[in-house]
Amino acid sequence: MAGAVASGARQLLAHVEVSLVRAGEERGAAEAAKAERERELVAERDRGRDLKGELDKLTDSVHRGEVLGAEKRLRIEQLEARALEELGVEPVVLVAEYGPDRPVPPSPPAEGEEVPEDPEDRRNQPRPFVRAEQEKRLKAAERAYQQLGKVNPLALEEFAALEERHKFLSEQLEDLKKTRTDLMRVIKEVDERVEQVFSEAFRDTAREFEGVFARLFPGGEGRLILTDPDNMLTTGVEVEARPPGKKVKRLSLLSGGERSLTAVAILVAIFKARPSPFYVMDEVEAALDDTNLQRLIGIMEELQESSQLIVITHQKRTMEVADALYGVSMQGDGVSKVISQRLR
């Protein structure tokens, strides 16, 4: 009985050992399969992450494309509305007639555009559309358009007002030109008359001066000379005086009495050349000696024949030839009074 139990136990032990070996083998295979599955899971997770990144990129790209497409559509709508509003052209007609597939018609060069030499005159022929070239011409045209400034809706009214103002000013200018012409003619006539009168007066005065100077300075010589005979309106007058016995002619080299008598000679020459109803002389003979005074009194007596003379003087001999005397006298009581005395 015990042997049977021991035999059964050995068999059972052998069977357990076989089961343990088989279980170990199965456990190793399961662990290997688990490791393989874990490796595959890691690879799939990495692939999932890569696919998710690509998906995110594609999503962003699609979103950007949608945004860009919306912007382009909005830009196209704005351009279509602008073309219809500013140019009055439908988009279909605009693309059909002015699209990039159409040749560019000839046009004059814009301001600032450099046009190359074209001996065959191809510049006046239609040419294919080149975007860079047309963008350059567009920028030049936009600069020229900006220089024109903003559109003024009241330009016509302002132009009409300015045109009327211009017409008025033009008429005023013509009147001024006509007036200026008339004034220049009058000035010319006045200048001619002044030149004529001055020439005649100078000629007569110079002639009388020579005679009066010869009487006041017997043996002397005096004359009047024009500094610019060719221009009678701006010329000056020089006085040459040479008393008898002297070679000098400049007035600055004469004595005080000689200069005074020369001035009296000029004054009397003017009186004789252009007589006046009366003359007023204030002590013109104060610096003269008796001889020269007597000569001057003789000339005054000649002037009395045609004019009245009012002479302010302290010379007794001048008073003797007067028709009437007027003066101030002081009486014994120290009171001054005006007196008059008719001599003739």
Protein backbone atom coordinates (compact mmCIF):
# COMPACT_ATOMS: atom_id res chain seq x y z
CA MET A 1 0.00 0.00 0.00
CA ALA A 2 2.77 2.37 0.89
CA GLY A 3 4.64 1.45 -2.29
CA ALA A 4 1.61 2.29 -4.39
CA VAL A 5 1.35 5.64 -2.69
CA ALA A 6 5.03 6.35 -3.20
CA SER A 7 4.77 5.31 -6.85
CA GLY A 8 1.78 7.54 -7.37
CA ALA A 9 3.61 10.35 -5.62
CA ARG A 10 6.59 9.96 -7.89
CA GLN A 11 4.42 9.97 -10.94
CA LEU A 12 2.58 12.99 -9.68
CA LEU A 13 5.90 14.72 -8.94
CA ALA A 14 7.18 13.93 -12.43
CA HIS A 15 3.96 15.20 -13.90
CA VAL A 16 4.29 18.41 -11.78
CA GLU A 17 7.88 18.90 -12.92
CA VAL A 18 6.82 18.47 -16.52
CA SER A 19 4.01 20.97 -15.92
CA LEU A 20 6.46 23.37 -14.30
CA VAL A 21 8.85 23.10 -17.24
CA ARG A 22 5.99 23.58 -19.69
CA ALA A 23 4.63 26.48 -17.62
CA GLY A 24 8.11 28.09 -17.61
CA GLU A 25 8.36 27.71 -21.34
CA GLU A 26 4.91 29.18 -21.81
CA ARG A 27 5.76 31.98 -19.39
CA GLY A 28 8.94 32.84 -21.39
CA ALA A 29 6.97 32.81 -24.63
CA ALA A 30 4.32 35.03 -23.05
CA GLU A 31 6.95 37.44 -21.76
CA ALA A 32 8.58 37.56 -25.21
CA ALA A 33 5.18 38.16 -26.80
CA LYS A 34 4.47 40.87 -24.20
CA ALA A 35 7.78 42.62 -24.94
CA GLU A 36 7.02 42.43 -28.67
CA ARG A 37 3.58 43.86 -28.09
CA GLU A 38 5.00 46.65 -25.94
CA ARG A 39 7.48 47.49 -28.69
CA GLU A 40 4.68 47.54 -31.23
CA LEU A 41 2.59 49.74 -28.88
CA VAL A 42 5.45 52.24 -28.49
CA ALA A 43 5.92 52.31 -32.26
CA GLU A 44 2.20 52.85 -32.79
CA ARG A 45 2.14 55.61 -30.18
CA ASP A 46 5.09 57.35 -31.92
CA ARG A 47 3.32 56.99 -35.23
CA GLY A 48 0.13 58.36 -33.67
CA ARG A 49 2.02 61.40 -32.41
CA ASP A 50 3.58 61.93 -35.86
CA LEU A 51 0.18 61.62 -37.50
CA LYS A 52 -1.30 64.05 -34.99
CA GLY A 53 1.48 66.59 -35.76
CA GLU A 54 0.85 66.23 -39.48
CA LEU A 55 -2.87 66.60 -38.81
CA ASP A 56 -2.24 69.78 -36.85
CA LYS A 57 -0.08 71.13 -39.66
CA LEU A 58 -2.68 70.28 -42.24
CA THR A 59 -5.38 71.84 -40.06
CA ASP A 60 -3.35 75.05 -39.71
CA SER A 61 -2.61 75.06 -43.42
CA VAL A 62 -6.28 74.60 -44.24
CA HIS A 63 -7.19 77.35 -41.78
CA ARG A 64 -4.64 79.71 -43.27
CA GLY A 65 -5.84 78.82 -46.74
CA GLU A 66 -9.41 79.56 -45.72
CA VAL A 67 -8.37 82.90 -44.18
CA LEU A 68 -6.25 83.79 -47.22
CA GLY A 69 -9.07 82.76 -49.52
CA ALA A 70 -11.50 84.93 -47.55
CA GLU A 71 -9.08 87.86 -47.79
CA LYS A 72 -8.63 87.30 -51.51
CA ARG A 73 -12.39 87.08 -52.00
CA LEU A 74 -12.85 90.30 -49.99
CA ARG A 75 -10.09 91.99 -52.00
CA ILE A 76 -11.68 90.85 -55.24
CA GLU A 77 -15.08 92.12 -54.09
CA GLN A 78 -13.53 95.47 -53.15
CA LEU A 79 -11.79 95.71 -56.51
CA GLU A 80 -14.98 94.83 -58.33
CA ALA A 81 -16.94 97.44 -56.34
CA ARG A 82 -14.19 100.04 -56.94
CA ALA A 83 -14.10 99.30 -60.66
CA LEU A 84 -17.86 99.59 -60.88
CA GLU A 85 -17.95 102.75 -58.74
CA GLU A 86 -14.96 104.67 -60.14
CA LEU A 87 -14.78 103.34 -63.69
CA GLY A 88 -18.35 102.22 -64.31
CA VAL A 89 -17.14 98.90 -65.76
CA GLU A 90 -18.48 95.47 -64.86
CA PRO A 91 -15.87 92.99 -63.56
CA VAL A 92 -16.54 90.58 -66.45
CA VAL A 93 -16.03 93.33 -69.02
CA LEU A 94 -12.96 94.59 -67.16
CA VAL A 95 -11.32 91.15 -67.20
CA ALA A 96 -12.35 90.50 -70.80
CA GLU A 97 -10.98 93.78 -72.13
CA TYR A 98 -8.12 94.49 -69.71
CA GLY A 99 -7.15 91.08 -68.40
CA PRO A 100 -3.52 89.89 -68.24
CA ASP A 101 -4.07 87.84 -71.41
CA ARG A 102 -4.83 91.00 -73.37
CA PRO A 103 -1.99 93.04 -74.96
CA VAL A 104 -1.22 96.36 -73.31
CA PRO A 105 -2.27 99.28 -75.56
CA PRO A 106 0.30 102.02 -76.25
CA SER A 107 0.30 105.03 -73.95
CA PRO A 108 2.57 108.02 -73.41
CA PRO A 109 5.25 107.51 -70.76
CA ALA A 110 4.35 108.60 -67.26
CA GLU A 111 6.28 111.34 -65.51
CA GLY A 112 9.54 109.98 -64.21
CA GLU A 113 9.40 106.87 -66.38
CA GLU A 114 12.57 106.16 -68.33
CA VAL A 115 11.70 105.10 -71.86
CA PRO A 116 14.47 103.24 -73.72
CA GLU A 117 15.33 104.17 -77.24
CA ASP A 118 13.17 102.43 -79.80
CA PRO A 119 14.42 102.94 -83.36
CA GLU A 120 11.64 100.71 -84.76
CA ASP A 121 8.98 102.66 -82.86
CA ARG A 122 7.70 99.54 -81.13
CA ARG A 123 6.71 101.68 -78.18
CA ASN A 124 3.56 102.75 -80.05
CA GLN A 125 2.54 99.13 -80.70
CA PRO A 126 0.53 96.89 -78.32
CA ARG A 127 2.74 94.60 -76.28
CA PRO A 128 2.23 91.60 -73.96
CA PHE A 129 1.35 92.15 -70.32
CA VAL A 130 4.37 92.10 -67.99
CA ARG A 131 3.33 92.47 -64.39
CA ALA A 132 6.55 94.05 -63.08
CA GLU A 133 6.57 96.60 -65.88
CA GLN A 134 2.92 97.49 -65.41
CA GLU A 135 3.33 97.74 -61.62
CA LYS A 136 6.16 100.22 -62.19
CA ARG A 137 3.95 102.28 -64.53
CA LEU A 138 1.11 102.04 -62.02
CA LYS A 139 3.29 103.47 -59.23
CA ALA A 140 4.40 106.31 -61.48
CA ALA A 141 0.77 107.01 -62.41
CA GLU A 142 -0.26 106.94 -58.74
CA ARG A 143 2.47 109.44 -57.86
CA ALA A 144 1.29 111.70 -60.66
CA TYR A 145 -2.29 111.26 -59.48
CA GLN A 146 -1.35 112.17 -55.89
CA GLN A 147 0.34 115.31 -57.14
CA LEU A 148 -2.97 116.38 -58.64
CA GLY A 149 -4.47 116.52 -55.16
CA LYS A 150 -8.01 115.84 -54.08
CA VAL A 151 -10.95 116.33 -56.39
CA ASN A 152 -12.72 119.61 -55.71
CA PRO A 153 -16.45 119.35 -56.46
CA LEU A 154 -16.70 123.15 -56.53
CA ALA A 155 -13.93 123.47 -59.10
CA LEU A 156 -16.28 124.63 -61.86
CA GLU A 157 -17.81 127.35 -59.70
CA GLU A 158 -14.39 128.44 -58.48
CA PHE A 159 -13.08 128.42 -62.04
CA ALA A 160 -15.98 130.60 -63.17
CA ALA A 161 -15.32 133.03 -60.32
CA LEU A 162 -11.60 133.09 -61.04
CA GLU A 163 -12.28 133.53 -64.75
CA GLU A 164 -14.51 136.50 -64.00
CA ARG A 165 -11.86 137.88 -61.63
CA HIS A 166 -9.21 137.35 -64.29
CA LYS A 167 -11.35 139.15 -66.85
CA PHE A 168 -11.85 142.06 -64.46
CA LEU A 169 -8.15 142.25 -63.63
CA SER A 170 -7.25 141.98 -67.32
CA GLU A 171 -9.52 144.91 -68.09
CA GLN A 172 -8.01 146.84 -65.20
CA LEU A 173 -4.54 145.95 -66.44
CA GLU A 174 -5.38 147.16 -69.93
CA ASP A 175 -6.71 150.39 -68.43
CA LEU A 176 -3.52 150.75 -66.41
CA LYS A 177 -1.40 150.09 -69.48
CA LYS A 178 -3.39 152.67 -71.42
CA THR A 179 -3.13 155.11 -68.52
CA ARG A 180 0.59 154.43 -68.27
CA THR A 181 0.94 155.08 -71.98
CA ASP A 182 -0.95 158.34 -71.60
CA LEU A 183 1.14 159.29 -68.57
CA MET A 184 4.35 158.48 -70.37
CA ARG A 185 3.20 160.60 -73.28
CA VAL A 186 2.31 163.46 -70.91
CA ILE A 187 5.64 163.03 -69.09
CA LYS A 188 7.43 163.11 -72.41
CA GLU A 189 5.58 166.27 -73.41
CA VAL A 190 6.29 167.84 -70.00
CA ASP A 191 9.95 166.84 -70.23
CA GLU A 192 10.18 168.32 -73.69
CA ARG A 193 8.46 171.48 -72.49
CA VAL A 194 10.65 171.68 -69.37
CA GLU A 195 13.75 171.10 -71.46
CA GLN A 196 12.65 173.80 -73.88
CA VAL A 197 11.81 176.29 -71.12
CA PHE A 198 15.02 175.50 -69.22
CA SER A 199 17.14 175.79 -72.34
CA GLU A 200 15.64 179.14 -73.22
CA ALA A 201 15.87 180.39 -69.62
CA PHE A 202 19.48 179.21 -69.30
CA ARG A 203 20.45 180.76 -72.63
CA ASP A 204 18.88 184.10 -71.67
CA THR A 205 20.29 183.99 -68.13
CA ALA A 206 23.77 183.10 -69.37
CA ARG A 207 23.65 186.01 -71.83
CA GLU A 208 22.46 188.46 -69.16
CA PHE A 209 25.01 187.13 -66.66
CA GLU A 210 27.88 187.90 -68.99
CA GLY A 211 26.63 191.48 -69.40
CA VAL A 212 25.86 192.04 -65.68
CA PHE A 213 29.17 190.49 -64.59
CA ALA A 214 31.06 192.72 -67.02
CA ARG A 215 29.31 195.77 -65.50
CA LEU A 216 29.92 194.74 -61.90
CA PHE A 217 33.50 193.67 -62.65
CA PRO A 218 34.75 195.97 -65.42
CA GLY A 219 37.39 194.11 -67.39
CA GLY A 220 36.35 190.79 -65.83
CA GLU A 221 34.74 187.80 -67.45
CA GLY A 222 31.98 185.55 -66.19
CA ARG A 223 29.83 182.85 -67.72
CA LEU A 224 27.48 179.97 -66.90
CA ILE A 225 28.36 176.47 -68.13
CA LEU A 226 26.22 173.28 -68.20
CA THR A 227 27.82 170.22 -66.69
CA ASP A 228 25.89 167.84 -69.01
CA PRO A 229 24.68 169.70 -72.11
CA ASP A 230 23.33 166.49 -73.67
CA ASN A 231 20.83 165.93 -70.85
CA MET A 232 19.09 169.16 -70.01
CA LEU A 233 16.80 167.55 -67.41
CA THR A 234 19.59 166.40 -65.09
CA THR A 235 22.41 168.76 -65.92
CA GLY A 236 23.97 171.05 -63.38
CA VAL A 237 25.15 174.62 -63.80
CA GLU A 238 28.67 175.78 -63.05
CA VAL A 239 29.60 179.42 -62.55
CA GLU A 240 32.91 180.68 -63.87
CA ALA A 241 33.97 184.09 -62.60
CA ARG A 242 37.26 185.84 -63.40
CA PRO A 243 37.51 189.33 -61.86
CA PRO A 244 39.85 191.77 -63.59
CA GLY A 245 43.50 191.16 -62.84
CA LYS A 246 42.95 187.57 -61.63
CA LYS A 247 43.41 184.31 -63.46
CA VAL A 248 41.27 182.18 -61.14
CA LYS A 249 37.78 181.13 -62.21
CA ARG A 250 36.62 179.02 -59.25
CA LEU A 251 34.35 180.78 -56.78
CA SER A 252 36.08 179.14 -53.83
CA LEU A 253 39.27 181.05 -54.67
CA LEU A 254 37.55 184.48 -54.68
CA SER A 255 37.29 186.83 -51.75
CA GLY A 256 34.09 187.14 -49.75
CA GLY A 257 33.10 190.38 -51.45
CA GLU A 258 33.80 188.98 -54.92
CA ARG A 259 31.74 185.88 -54.22
CA SER A 260 28.90 188.01 -52.87
CA LEU A 261 28.99 190.28 -55.93
CA THR A 262 29.08 187.24 -58.25
CA ALA A 263 25.98 185.85 -56.53
CA VAL A 264 24.28 189.24 -56.96
CA ALA A 265 25.25 189.13 -60.65
CA ILE A 266 23.57 185.73 -61.06
CA LEU A 267 20.49 187.00 -59.24
CA VAL A 268 20.24 190.13 -61.37
CA ALA A 269 20.83 188.08 -64.55
CA ILE A 270 17.85 185.93 -63.63
CA PHE A 271 15.78 189.07 -62.98
CA LYS A 272 16.70 190.46 -66.39
CA ALA A 273 16.20 187.17 -68.24
CA ARG A 274 12.78 186.54 -66.69
CA PRO A 275 11.35 189.80 -65.31
CA SER A 276 8.94 189.71 -62.37
CA PRO A 277 6.51 192.37 -61.02
CA PHE A 278 8.56 192.75 -57.82
CA TYR A 279 11.68 191.46 -56.11
CA VAL A 280 12.69 191.08 -52.47
CA MET A 281 16.40 191.31 -51.63
CA ASP A 282 17.76 190.90 -48.11
CA GLU A 283 21.08 192.72 -47.58
CA VAL A 284 22.57 191.48 -50.82
CA GLU A 285 25.04 194.36 -50.79
CA ALA A 286 26.19 194.05 -47.17
CA ALA A 287 29.69 192.79 -48.09
CA LEU A 288 30.30 195.28 -50.94
CA ASP A 289 32.59 198.26 -50.86
CA ASP A 290 31.52 201.70 -52.10
CA THR A 291 32.67 201.20 -55.68
CA ASN A 292 30.93 197.88 -56.16
CA LEU A 293 27.88 199.18 -54.29
CA GLN A 294 27.60 202.09 -56.69
CA ARG A 295 27.66 199.67 -59.65
CA LEU A 296 24.96 197.53 -58.06
CA ILE A 297 22.80 200.56 -57.34
CA GLY A 298 22.98 201.47 -61.01
CA ILE A 299 21.63 198.04 -61.94
CA MET A 300 18.88 198.37 -59.29
CA GLU A 301 17.79 201.66 -60.83
CA GLU A 302 17.43 199.85 -64.17
CA LEU A 303 15.30 197.18 -62.54
CA GLN A 304 13.05 199.90 -61.03
CA GLU A 305 11.88 200.80 -64.50
CA SER A 306 10.00 197.50 -64.95
CA SER A 307 9.61 196.04 -61.45
CA GLN A 308 9.17 197.02 -57.82
CA LEU A 309 12.07 196.30 -55.48
CA ILE A 310 11.83 195.63 -51.76
CA VAL A 311 15.36 195.84 -50.38
CA ILE A 312 16.32 195.13 -46.78
CA THR A 313 19.53 197.02 -46.18
CA HIS A 314 21.72 199.01 -43.79
CA GLN A 315 23.58 200.81 -46.55
CA LYS A 316 22.88 204.54 -46.65
CA ARG A 317 23.57 204.90 -50.35
CA THR A 318 21.05 202.15 -51.14
CA MET A 319 18.46 204.00 -49.09
CA GLU A 320 19.13 207.20 -51.02
CA VAL A 321 17.84 205.75 -54.31
CA ALA A 322 14.68 204.33 -52.74
CA ASP A 323 11.22 205.81 -53.32
CA ALA A 324 10.09 205.05 -49.76
CA LEU A 325 11.71 203.94 -46.52
CA TYR A 326 10.22 201.72 -43.83
CA GLY A 327 12.05 201.10 -40.61
CA VAL A 328 12.06 200.85 -36.85
CA SER A 329 13.24 203.82 -34.75
CA MET A 330 13.71 204.19 -31.01
CA GLN A 331 12.61 207.44 -29.34
CA GLY A 332 14.08 209.01 -26.27
CA ASP A 333 11.76 207.09 -23.95
CA GLY A 334 13.19 203.78 -25.22
CA VAL A 335 10.03 202.74 -27.02
CA SER A 336 10.50 201.44 -30.60
CA LYS A 337 8.04 202.30 -33.33
CA VAL A 338 7.66 201.70 -37.07
CA ILE A 339 8.11 204.74 -39.26
CA SER A 340 7.85 205.33 -43.00
CA GLN A 341 9.10 208.06 -45.25
CA ARG A 342 8.31 208.63 -48.90
CA LEU A 343 11.30 210.22 -50.61
CA ARG A 344 9.83 210.90 -54.06
